Amino acid sequence: MVLPTLGRSSLGAQLDALGRCQWDHPWEVVVADNSLAGSARPAVARWVRQDVPIRWVDASQRTGRSSAVNAGARAAEGLWLVTCDDDDIVAPEFVAAVGRAFLAGAESVAFNLNVRAINPPATWMSVDHAQMQDRRPMYRGLPALWGCSGIGRAVFLGLGGYDEELPYAEDLDFTLRYHEAGLSEPAWVEQALIHYRLPATWRSNFRKGRGRADAAQRLTRKHPASGYPPLRRPASEAVVVVRTMLRGVRCCGSPSRRLRNAGDLGYSWQRLRQSLAAHSRWGGRRT
């Protein structure tokens, strides 16, 4: 069990939830601390399970979730890796359900996420993740391995782990590389095994939208067939920003639509910045 963290206050609740998990096979918890001050140490010290070892790993060499997961994967000792975030809440049957899928021969495991249990309606209604309640996650027509998933440790490390250059969507890049390597389709556990937390503020959704735009450009460079639209001239991207802002004014009475619009605005704003930078580099030529 690899748990990347910045030592946020929510880590304690996640560790308490993991402490309630039961499985009749050995398993461990690796807390990969991406903070500079070792902020996760106090929460790790409060772990009370004697039959499940827990280890704190210094993952501060490079900032980012990808780096933390990679550090935790290298430090782990088990055959399989399962990852989740420090602000989610795992279900009591989480470890056993994923473990059974591995014992049945799975090379990787995807599972359902409950986005409604710990998020207010305005938050989960604002994002497409609400469909995870009932459907298998897909990306570009391929069964996806989200950041919260399971995979054989040797497979993960053999593929190079997560791309630490990506500021966002490292799991989508990994999904593409996993399938390009010809590996078997991830096993699907329909049971909702994680209460998944979504960004709940205008600012966090705007920031996430900017991250999506950055990741889209980097994924396009790595995987030209990934399907993201090319950048247009700055004037055209600016029109999209203005339209998105106007749409935000019209939906100000709906909390869920306002949050969705914040993500859209962050995405279009970052595309405008990217277009301006590319336009400047190429001396005014269309990119």
C-alpha atoms as a PDB file:
ATOM      1  CA  MET A   1       0.000   0.000   0.000  1.00  0.00           C
ATOM      2  CA  VAL A   2       1.730   3.201  -1.188  1.00  0.00           C
ATOM      3  CA  LEU A   3       0.366   6.439   0.197  1.00  0.00           C
ATOM      4  CA  PRO A   4       1.906   9.624  -1.284  1.00  0.00           C
ATOM      5  CA  THR A   5       1.427  12.618   0.981  1.00  0.00           C
ATOM      6  CA  LEU A   6       2.361  16.188   1.753  1.00  0.00           C
ATOM      7  CA  GLY A   7       1.594  15.560   5.402  1.00  0.00           C
ATOM      8  CA  ARG A   8      -1.812  17.207   5.221  1.00  0.00           C
ATOM      9  CA  SER A   9      -4.144  17.022   8.218  1.00  0.00           C
ATOM     10  CA  SER A  10      -6.338  14.556   6.315  1.00  0.00           C
ATOM     11  CA  LEU A  11      -3.570  11.934   6.400  1.00  0.00           C
ATOM     12  CA  GLY A  12      -4.535  10.794   9.899  1.00  0.00           C
ATOM     13  CA  ALA A  13      -8.094   9.948   8.857  1.00  0.00           C
ATOM     14  CA  GLN A  14      -6.830   7.990   5.851  1.00  0.00           C
ATOM     15  CA  LEU A  15      -4.405   6.004   8.007  1.00  0.00           C
ATOM     16  CA  ASP A  16      -7.218   5.303  10.484  1.00  0.00           C
ATOM     17  CA  ALA A  17      -9.297   3.954   7.583  1.00  0.00           C
ATOM     18  CA  LEU A  18      -6.412   1.772   6.405  1.00  0.00           C
ATOM     19  CA  GLY A  19      -6.056   0.522   9.954  1.00  0.00           C
ATOM     20  CA  ARG A  20      -9.583  -0.884   9.727  1.00  0.00           C
ATOM     21  CA  CYS A  21      -8.777  -2.925   6.600  1.00  0.00           C
ATOM     22  CA  GLN A  22      -8.467  -6.681   6.987  1.00  0.00           C
ATOM     23  CA  TRP A  23      -6.802  -9.281   4.773  1.00  0.00           C
ATOM     24  CA  ASP A  24      -5.523 -12.730   5.653  1.00  0.00           C
ATOM     25  CA  HIS A  25      -2.237 -12.220   3.781  1.00  0.00           C
ATOM     26  CA  PRO A  26       0.763 -10.044   4.716  1.00  0.00           C
ATOM     27  CA  TRP A  27       0.628  -6.430   3.574  1.00  0.00           C
ATOM     28  CA  GLU A  28       2.366  -3.191   4.461  1.00  0.00           C
ATOM     29  CA  VAL A  29       1.789   0.565   4.322  1.00  0.00           C
ATOM     30  CA  VAL A  30       4.471   2.815   2.810  1.00  0.00           C
ATOM     31  CA  VAL A  31       3.910   6.520   3.483  1.00  0.00           C
ATOM     32  CA  ALA A  32       5.872   8.450   0.852  1.00  0.00           C
ATOM     33  CA  ASP A  33       6.348  11.905   2.375  1.00  0.00           C
ATOM     34  CA  ASN A  34       6.749  14.589  -0.300  1.00  0.00           C
ATOM     35  CA  SER A  35       6.948  17.449   2.209  1.00  0.00           C
ATOM     36  CA  LEU A  36      10.259  19.133   2.965  1.00  0.00           C
ATOM     37  CA  ALA A  37       9.775  18.996   6.723  1.00  0.00           C
ATOM     38  CA  GLY A  38       8.821  15.341   7.181  1.00  0.00           C
ATOM     39  CA  SER A  39       5.288  16.439   8.068  1.00  0.00           C
ATOM     40  CA  ALA A  40       3.863  12.920   7.850  1.00  0.00           C
ATOM     41  CA  ARG A  41       6.015  11.475  10.632  1.00  0.00           C
ATOM     42  CA  PRO A  42       3.601  12.246  13.527  1.00  0.00           C
ATOM     43  CA  ALA A  43       0.676  10.537  11.779  1.00  0.00           C
ATOM     44  CA  VAL A  44       2.837   7.488  11.010  1.00  0.00           C
ATOM     45  CA  ALA A  45       3.944   7.339  14.637  1.00  0.00           C
ATOM     46  CA  ARG A  46       0.298   7.002  15.733  1.00  0.00           C
ATOM     47  CA  TRP A  47      -0.229   3.793  13.718  1.00  0.00           C
ATOM     48  CA  VAL A  48      -1.513   1.129  16.104  1.00  0.00           C
ATOM     49  CA  ARG A  49      -1.711  -2.045  13.992  1.00  0.00           C
ATOM     50  CA  GLN A  50       0.938  -4.504  15.125  1.00  0.00           C
ATOM     51  CA  ASP A  51       0.209  -7.055  12.390  1.00  0.00           C
ATOM     52  CA  VAL A  52       0.613  -4.562   9.512  1.00  0.00           C
ATOM     53  CA  PRO A  53       3.985  -2.819   9.274  1.00  0.00           C
ATOM     54  CA  ILE A  54       4.096   0.842   8.319  1.00  0.00           C
ATOM     55  CA  ARG A  55       7.128   2.705   7.023  1.00  0.00           C
ATOM     56  CA  TRP A  56       7.819   6.383   6.485  1.00  0.00           C
ATOM     57  CA  VAL A  57       9.826   7.098   3.318  1.00  0.00           C
ATOM     58  CA  ASP A  58      11.500  10.397   2.505  1.00  0.00           C
ATOM     59  CA  ALA A  59      10.093  11.313  -0.926  1.00  0.00           C
ATOM     60  CA  SER A  60      11.082  14.982  -0.844  1.00  0.00           C
ATOM     61  CA  GLN A  61      13.862  14.791  -3.430  1.00  0.00           C
ATOM     62  CA  ARG A  62      11.466  16.142  -6.057  1.00  0.00           C
ATOM     63  CA  THR A  63       8.117  17.856  -5.629  1.00  0.00           C
ATOM     64  CA  GLY A  64       5.054  16.132  -7.028  1.00  0.00           C
ATOM     65  CA  ARG A  65       2.778  13.157  -6.601  1.00  0.00           C
ATOM     66  CA  SER A  66       4.563  11.206  -9.338  1.00  0.00           C
ATOM     67  CA  SER A  67       7.890  11.449  -7.543  1.00  0.00           C
ATOM     68  CA  ALA A  68       6.323  10.419  -4.233  1.00  0.00           C
ATOM     69  CA  VAL A  69       4.614   7.354  -5.715  1.00  0.00           C
ATOM     70  CA  ASN A  70       7.813   6.319  -7.488  1.00  0.00           C
ATOM     71  CA  ALA A  71       9.810   6.651  -4.259  1.00  0.00           C
ATOM     72  CA  GLY A  72       7.222   4.602  -2.391  1.00  0.00           C
ATOM     73  CA  ALA A  73       7.211   1.934  -5.106  1.00  0.00           C
ATOM     74  CA  ARG A  74      10.995   1.582  -4.951  1.00  0.00           C
ATOM     75  CA  ALA A  75      10.882   1.256  -1.167  1.00  0.00           C
ATOM     76  CA  ALA A  76       7.985  -1.219  -1.100  1.00  0.00           C
ATOM     77  CA  GLU A  77       8.703  -4.903  -0.513  1.00  0.00           C
ATOM     78  CA  GLY A  78       5.532  -6.592  -1.758  1.00  0.00           C
ATOM     79  CA  LEU A  79       4.734  -8.104  -5.148  1.00  0.00           C
ATOM     80  CA  TRP A  80       1.906  -5.649  -5.815  1.00  0.00           C
ATOM     81  CA  LEU A  81       1.407  -1.929  -5.371  1.00  0.00           C
ATOM     82  CA  VAL A  82      -1.869  -0.218  -4.509  1.00  0.00           C
ATOM     83  CA  THR A  83      -1.990   3.583  -4.335  1.00  0.00           C
ATOM     84  CA  CYS A  84      -4.452   6.070  -2.906  1.00  0.00           C
ATOM     85  CA  ASP A  85      -4.262   9.707  -1.829  1.00  0.00           C
ATOM     86  CA  ASP A  86      -3.877  11.153   1.636  1.00  0.00           C
ATOM     87  CA  ASP A  87      -7.192  13.054   1.533  1.00  0.00           C
ATOM     88  CA  ASP A  88      -9.358  10.077   0.527  1.00  0.00           C
ATOM     89  CA  ILE A  89     -10.985   7.478   2.775  1.00  0.00           C
ATOM     90  CA  VAL A  90     -10.624   3.791   1.889  1.00  0.00           C
ATOM     91  CA  ALA A  91     -13.406   1.304   2.599  1.00  0.00           C
ATOM     92  CA  PRO A  92     -12.757  -1.455   5.172  1.00  0.00           C
ATOM     93  CA  GLU A  93     -12.754  -4.102   2.404  1.00  0.00           C
ATOM     94  CA  PHE A  94     -10.307  -2.123   0.234  1.00  0.00           C
ATOM     95  CA  VAL A  95      -7.133  -4.181   0.734  1.00  0.00           C
ATOM     96  CA  ALA A  96      -8.873  -7.566   0.624  1.00  0.00           C
ATOM     97  CA  ALA A  97     -10.866  -6.796  -2.541  1.00  0.00           C
ATOM     98  CA  VAL A  98      -7.824  -5.642  -4.500  1.00  0.00           C
ATOM     99  CA  GLY A  99      -5.711  -8.452  -3.055  1.00  0.00           C
ATOM    100  CA  ARG A 100      -8.194 -11.084  -4.200  1.00  0.00           C
ATOM    101  CA  ALA A 101      -8.032  -9.700  -7.745  1.00  0.00           C
ATOM    102  CA  PHE A 102      -4.253 -10.033  -7.727  1.00  0.00           C
ATOM    103  CA  LEU A 103      -4.409 -13.561  -6.330  1.00  0.00           C
ATOM    104  CA  ALA A 104      -6.788 -14.447  -9.170  1.00  0.00           C
ATOM    105  CA  GLY A 105      -4.045 -13.552 -11.643  1.00  0.00           C
ATOM    106  CA  ALA A 106      -4.578  -9.862 -12.405  1.00  0.00           C
ATOM    107  CA  GLU A 107      -1.590  -7.886 -13.652  1.00  0.00           C
ATOM    108  CA  SER A 108      -3.262  -4.626 -12.647  1.00  0.00           C
ATOM    109  CA  VAL A 109      -6.500  -3.660 -10.925  1.00  0.00           C
ATOM    110  CA  ALA A 110      -8.891  -0.736 -11.348  1.00  0.00           C
ATOM    111  CA  PHE A 111     -11.767  -0.202  -8.948  1.00  0.00           C
ATOM    112  CA  ASN A 112     -14.781   1.979  -8.412  1.00  0.00           C
ATOM    113  CA  LEU A 113     -14.530   5.301  -6.602  1.00  0.00           C
ATOM    114  CA  ASN A 114     -17.327   6.802  -4.544  1.00  0.00           C
ATOM    115  CA  VAL A 115     -17.262  10.554  -5.184  1.00  0.00           C
ATOM    116  CA  ARG A 116     -20.491  11.296  -3.332  1.00  0.00           C
ATOM    117  CA  ALA A 117     -19.819  10.066   0.191  1.00  0.00           C
ATOM    118  CA  ILE A 118     -17.385  12.777   1.337  1.00  0.00           C
ATOM    119  CA  ASN A 119     -18.116  15.557  -1.181  1.00  0.00           C
ATOM    120  CA  PRO A 120     -21.097  17.917  -1.040  1.00  0.00           C
ATOM    121  CA  PRO A 121     -23.537  17.620  -3.972  1.00  0.00           C
ATOM    122  CA  ALA A 122     -22.380  20.887  -5.545  1.00  0.00           C
ATOM    123  CA  THR A 123     -18.848  19.472  -5.741  1.00  0.00           C
ATOM    124  CA  TRP A 124     -19.476  16.025  -7.201  1.00  0.00           C
ATOM    125  CA  MET A 125     -22.123  17.364  -9.576  1.00  0.00           C
ATOM    126  CA  SER A 126     -19.537  19.767 -11.021  1.00  0.00           C
ATOM    127  CA  VAL A 127     -17.255  17.102 -12.469  1.00  0.00           C
ATOM    128  CA  ASP A 128     -17.487  14.146 -14.797  1.00  0.00           C
ATOM    129  CA  HIS A 129     -16.025  11.926 -12.054  1.00  0.00           C
ATOM    130  CA  ALA A 130     -19.594  11.353 -10.839  1.00  0.00           C
ATOM    131  CA  GLN A 131     -19.877   8.709 -13.560  1.00  0.00           C
ATOM    132  CA  MET A 132     -17.291   6.650 -11.652  1.00  0.00           C
ATOM    133  CA  GLN A 133     -20.124   5.574  -9.381  1.00  0.00           C
ATOM    134  CA  ASP A 134     -21.305   3.127 -12.001  1.00  0.00           C
ATOM    135  CA  ARG A 135     -18.801   2.779 -14.840  1.00  0.00           C
ATOM    136  CA  ARG A 136     -15.340   1.491 -15.482  1.00  0.00           C
ATOM    137  CA  PRO A 137     -12.829   4.344 -15.996  1.00  0.00           C
ATOM    138  CA  MET A 138     -11.780   4.763 -19.619  1.00  0.00           C
ATOM    139  CA  TYR A 139      -9.262   7.002 -21.366  1.00  0.00           C
ATOM    140  CA  ARG A 140      -9.130   7.349 -25.152  1.00  0.00           C
ATOM    141  CA  GLY A 141     -11.109   4.141 -25.469  1.00  0.00           C
ATOM    142  CA  LEU A 142      -8.737   2.201 -23.201  1.00  0.00           C
ATOM    143  CA  PRO A 143      -9.450   0.790 -19.718  1.00  0.00           C
ATOM    144  CA  ALA A 144      -7.672   3.309 -17.493  1.00  0.00           C
ATOM    145  CA  LEU A 145      -5.443   2.923 -14.471  1.00  0.00           C
ATOM    146  CA  TRP A 146      -6.238   6.004 -12.414  1.00  0.00           C
ATOM    147  CA  GLY A 147      -3.843   7.307  -9.790  1.00  0.00           C
ATOM    148  CA  CYS A 148      -5.774   5.209  -7.271  1.00  0.00           C
ATOM    149  CA  SER A 149      -5.303   1.687  -8.599  1.00  0.00           C
ATOM    150  CA  GLY A 150      -3.249  -1.478  -8.219  1.00  0.00           C
ATOM    151  CA  ILE A 151      -0.440  -2.936 -10.312  1.00  0.00           C
ATOM    152  CA  GLY A 152       2.359  -5.461 -10.028  1.00  0.00           C
ATOM    153  CA  ARG A 153       5.410  -3.756  -8.554  1.00  0.00           C
ATOM    154  CA  ALA A 154       7.768  -5.226 -11.164  1.00  0.00           C
ATOM    155  CA  VAL A 155       5.447  -4.072 -13.965  1.00  0.00           C
ATOM    156  CA  PHE A 156       5.213  -0.555 -12.569  1.00  0.00           C
ATOM    157  CA  LEU A 157       8.958  -0.170 -12.128  1.00  0.00           C
ATOM    158  CA  GLY A 158       9.646  -1.912 -15.439  1.00  0.00           C
ATOM    159  CA  LEU A 159       7.608   0.756 -17.227  1.00  0.00           C
ATOM    160  CA  GLY A 160       9.600   3.472 -15.476  1.00  0.00           C
ATOM    161  CA  GLY A 161       6.899   4.386 -12.972  1.00  0.00           C
ATOM    162  CA  TYR A 162       5.105   7.695 -13.306  1.00  0.00           C
ATOM    163  CA  ASP A 163       6.580  10.450 -15.469  1.00  0.00           C
ATOM    164  CA  GLU A 164       7.872  12.973 -12.946  1.00  0.00           C
ATOM    165  CA  GLU A 165       7.943  15.722 -15.588  1.00  0.00           C
ATOM    166  CA  LEU A 166       4.152  15.786 -15.777  1.00  0.00           C
ATOM    167  CA  PRO A 167       2.499  18.285 -13.404  1.00  0.00           C
ATOM    168  CA  TYR A 168      -0.841  16.504 -13.751  1.00  0.00           C
ATOM    169  CA  ALA A 169      -2.411  13.453 -15.436  1.00  0.00           C
ATOM    170  CA  GLU A 170       0.583  11.205 -14.833  1.00  0.00           C
ATOM    171  CA  ASP A 171      -1.892   8.339 -14.545  1.00  0.00           C
ATOM    172  CA  LEU A 172      -3.221   8.995 -18.056  1.00  0.00           C
ATOM    173  CA  ASP A 173       0.289   8.911 -19.473  1.00  0.00           C
ATOM    174  CA  PHE A 174       0.918   5.684 -17.573  1.00  0.00           C
ATOM    175  CA  THR A 175      -2.326   4.199 -18.940  1.00  0.00           C
ATOM    176  CA  LEU A 176      -1.140   4.845 -22.493  1.00  0.00           C
ATOM    177  CA  ARG A 177       2.321   3.391 -21.829  1.00  0.00           C
ATOM    178  CA  TYR A 178       0.797   0.371 -20.100  1.00  0.00           C
ATOM    179  CA  HIS A 179      -1.339  -0.490 -23.120  1.00  0.00           C
ATOM    180  CA  GLU A 180       1.426   0.345 -25.602  1.00  0.00           C
ATOM    181  CA  ALA A 181       3.526  -2.297 -23.821  1.00  0.00           C
ATOM    182  CA  GLY A 182       0.894  -4.900 -24.704  1.00  0.00           C
ATOM    183  CA  LEU A 183       0.028  -5.747 -21.099  1.00  0.00           C
ATOM    184  CA  SER A 184      -3.226  -7.390 -20.103  1.00  0.00           C
ATOM    185  CA  GLU A 185      -6.377  -5.367 -19.526  1.00  0.00           C
ATOM    186  CA  PRO A 186      -6.706  -4.226 -15.899  1.00  0.00           C
ATOM    187  CA  ALA A 187      -9.052  -6.314 -13.789  1.00  0.00           C
ATOM    188  CA  TRP A 188     -12.144  -4.367 -12.760  1.00  0.00           C
ATOM    189  CA  VAL A 189     -13.543  -4.374  -9.227  1.00  0.00           C
ATOM    190  CA  GLU A 190     -16.992  -2.820  -9.448  1.00  0.00           C
ATOM    191  CA  GLN A 191     -17.220  -2.273  -5.727  1.00  0.00           C
ATOM    192  CA  ALA A 192     -16.604   1.337  -4.620  1.00  0.00           C
ATOM    193  CA  LEU A 193     -13.444   0.940  -2.555  1.00  0.00           C
ATOM    194  CA  ILE A 194     -12.400   4.557  -2.001  1.00  0.00           C
ATOM    195  CA  HIS A 195     -14.312   7.627  -0.933  1.00  0.00           C
ATOM    196  CA  TYR A 196     -12.596  10.000  -3.333  1.00  0.00           C
ATOM    197  CA  ARG A 197     -12.230  13.687  -2.484  1.00  0.00           C
ATOM    198  CA  LEU A 198     -12.699  16.299  -5.203  1.00  0.00           C
ATOM    199  CA  PRO A 199     -11.497  19.932  -5.287  1.00  0.00           C
ATOM    200  CA  ALA A 200     -14.253  21.935  -3.609  1.00  0.00           C
ATOM    201  CA  THR A 201     -13.290  25.583  -4.143  1.00  0.00           C
ATOM    202  CA  TRP A 202     -13.231  27.911  -7.128  1.00  0.00           C
ATOM    203  CA  ARG A 203      -9.479  28.399  -6.771  1.00  0.00           C
ATOM    204  CA  SER A 204      -8.642  24.688  -6.546  1.00  0.00           C
ATOM    205  CA  ASN A 205     -10.737  23.937  -9.636  1.00  0.00           C
ATOM    206  CA  PHE A 206      -9.119  26.804 -11.550  1.00  0.00           C
ATOM    207  CA  ARG A 207      -5.686  25.485 -10.589  1.00  0.00           C
ATOM    208  CA  LYS A 208      -6.673  21.974 -11.627  1.00  0.00           C
ATOM    209  CA  GLY A 209      -7.856  23.291 -14.992  1.00  0.00           C
ATOM    210  CA  ARG A 210      -4.487  24.922 -15.589  1.00  0.00           C
ATOM    211  CA  GLY A 211      -2.784  21.647 -14.699  1.00  0.00           C
ATOM    212  CA  ARG A 212      -4.967  19.775 -17.189  1.00  0.00           C
ATOM    213  CA  ALA A 213      -3.946  22.185 -19.951  1.00  0.00           C
ATOM    214  CA  ASP A 214      -0.243  21.773 -19.169  1.00  0.00           C
ATOM    215  CA  ALA A 215      -0.596  17.998 -19.047  1.00  0.00           C
ATOM    216  CA  ALA A 216      -2.524  17.960 -22.338  1.00  0.00           C
ATOM    217  CA  GLN A 217       0.343  19.635 -24.180  1.00  0.00           C
ATOM    218  CA  ARG A 218       2.947  17.347 -22.656  1.00  0.00           C
ATOM    219  CA  LEU A 219       0.858  14.246 -23.347  1.00  0.00           C
ATOM    220  CA  THR A 220       0.431  15.383 -26.947  1.00  0.00           C
ATOM    221  CA  ARG A 221       4.191  15.653 -27.343  1.00  0.00           C
ATOM    222  CA  LYS A 222       4.702  12.191 -25.843  1.00  0.00           C
ATOM    223  CA  HIS A 223       1.687  10.574 -27.486  1.00  0.00           C
ATOM    224  CA  PRO A 224       0.764  12.451 -30.683  1.00  0.00           C
ATOM    225  CA  ALA A 225      -2.353  10.338 -31.113  1.00  0.00           C
ATOM    226  CA  SER A 226      -3.720  11.175 -27.665  1.00  0.00           C
ATOM    227  CA  GLY A 227      -6.344  13.406 -29.256  1.00  0.00           C
ATOM    228  CA  TYR A 228      -5.919  16.783 -27.572  1.00  0.00           C
ATOM    229  CA  PRO A 229      -6.686  19.798 -29.804  1.00  0.00           C
ATOM    230  CA  PRO A 230      -3.658  21.770 -31.050  1.00  0.00           C
ATOM    231  CA  LEU A 231      -3.030  25.296 -29.840  1.00  0.00           C
ATOM    232  CA  ARG A 232      -4.560  28.065 -31.909  1.00  0.00           C
ATOM    233  CA  ARG A 233      -3.450  31.649 -32.418  1.00  0.00           C
ATOM    234  CA  PRO A 234      -3.479  33.756 -29.222  1.00  0.00           C
ATOM    235  CA  ALA A 235      -6.456  35.784 -30.464  1.00  0.00           C
ATOM    236  CA  SER A 236      -8.511  32.615 -30.912  1.00  0.00           C
ATOM    237  CA  GLU A 237      -7.539  31.269 -27.483  1.00  0.00           C
ATOM    238  CA  ALA A 238      -8.377  34.671 -25.952  1.00  0.00           C
ATOM    239  CA  VAL A 239     -11.886  34.449 -27.426  1.00  0.00           C
ATOM    240  CA  VAL A 240     -12.360  31.136 -25.642  1.00  0.00           C
ATOM    241  CA  VAL A 241     -11.250  32.716 -22.348  1.00  0.00           C
ATOM    242  CA  VAL A 242     -13.729  35.572 -22.726  1.00  0.00           C
ATOM    243  CA  ARG A 243     -16.566  33.212 -23.614  1.00  0.00           C
ATOM    244  CA  THR A 244     -15.759  31.049 -20.614  1.00  0.00           C
ATOM    245  CA  MET A 245     -15.753  34.088 -18.327  1.00  0.00           C
ATOM    246  CA  LEU A 246     -19.132  35.219 -19.668  1.00  0.00           C
ATOM    247  CA  ARG A 247     -20.518  31.744 -19.159  1.00  0.00           C
ATOM    248  CA  GLY A 248     -19.267  31.915 -15.580  1.00  0.00           C
ATOM    249  CA  VAL A 249     -21.260  35.107 -14.997  1.00  0.00           C
ATOM    250  CA  ARG A 250     -24.423  33.444 -16.279  1.00  0.00           C
ATOM    251  CA  CYS A 251     -24.020  30.401 -14.012  1.00  0.00           C
ATOM    252  CA  CYS A 252     -23.080  32.288 -10.839  1.00  0.00           C
ATOM    253  CA  GLY A 253     -26.341  31.177  -9.192  1.00  0.00           C
ATOM    254  CA  SER A 254     -25.457  27.487  -9.461  1.00  0.00           C
ATOM    255  CA  PRO A 255     -22.617  26.312  -7.161  1.00  0.00           C
ATOM    256  CA  SER A 256     -21.908  23.181  -9.218  1.00  0.00           C
ATOM    257  CA  ARG A 257     -21.849  25.040 -12.530  1.00  0.00           C
ATOM    258  CA  ARG A 258     -19.635  27.715 -10.997  1.00  0.00           C
ATOM    259  CA  LEU A 259     -17.088  25.105  -9.923  1.00  0.00           C
ATOM    260  CA  ARG A 260     -17.169  23.452 -13.348  1.00  0.00           C
ATOM    261  CA  ASN A 261     -16.683  26.828 -14.996  1.00  0.00           C
ATOM    262  CA  ALA A 262     -13.657  27.512 -12.783  1.00  0.00           C
ATOM    263  CA  GLY A 263     -11.961  24.416 -14.166  1.00  0.00           C
ATOM    264  CA  ASP A 264     -12.879  25.361 -17.725  1.00  0.00           C
ATOM    265  CA  LEU A 265     -11.549  28.874 -17.199  1.00  0.00           C
ATOM    266  CA  GLY A 266      -8.276  27.588 -15.777  1.00  0.00           C
ATOM    267  CA  TYR A 267      -7.904  25.289 -18.768  1.00  0.00           C
ATOM    268  CA  SER A 268      -8.611  28.012 -21.359  1.00  0.00           C
ATOM    269  CA  TRP A 269      -6.458  30.556 -19.513  1.00  0.00           C
ATOM    270  CA  GLN A 270      -3.474  28.224 -19.534  1.00  0.00           C
ATOM    271  CA  ARG A 271      -3.973  27.442 -23.225  1.00  0.00           C
ATOM    272  CA  LEU A 272      -3.863  31.170 -23.924  1.00  0.00           C
ATOM    273  CA  ARG A 273      -0.585  31.460 -22.019  1.00  0.00           C
ATOM    274  CA  GLN A 274       0.810  28.490 -23.950  1.00  0.00           C
ATOM    275  CA  SER A 275      -0.265  30.009 -27.250  1.00  0.00           C
ATOM    276  CA  LEU A 276       1.328  33.353 -26.408  1.00  0.00           C
ATOM    277  CA  ALA A 277       4.599  31.613 -25.505  1.00  0.00           C
ATOM    278  CA  ALA A 278       4.588  29.492 -28.666  1.00  0.00           C
ATOM    279  CA  HIS A 279       3.662  32.470 -30.852  1.00  0.00           C
ATOM    280  CA  SER A 280       6.562  34.450 -29.409  1.00  0.00           C
ATOM    281  CA  ARG A 281       9.024  31.592 -29.957  1.00  0.00           C
ATOM    282  CA  TRP A 282       8.029  31.154 -33.567  1.00  0.00           C
ATOM    283  CA  GLY A 283       8.182  34.837 -34.452  1.00  0.00           C
ATOM    284  CA  GLY A 284       4.464  35.253 -34.968  1.00  0.00           C
ATOM    285  CA  ARG A 285       3.871  32.166 -37.098  1.00  0.00           C
ATOM    286  CA  ARG A 286       0.874  30.014 -36.374  1.00  0.00           C
ATOM    287  CA  THR A 287       1.629  27.064 -34.069  1.00  0.00           C
END
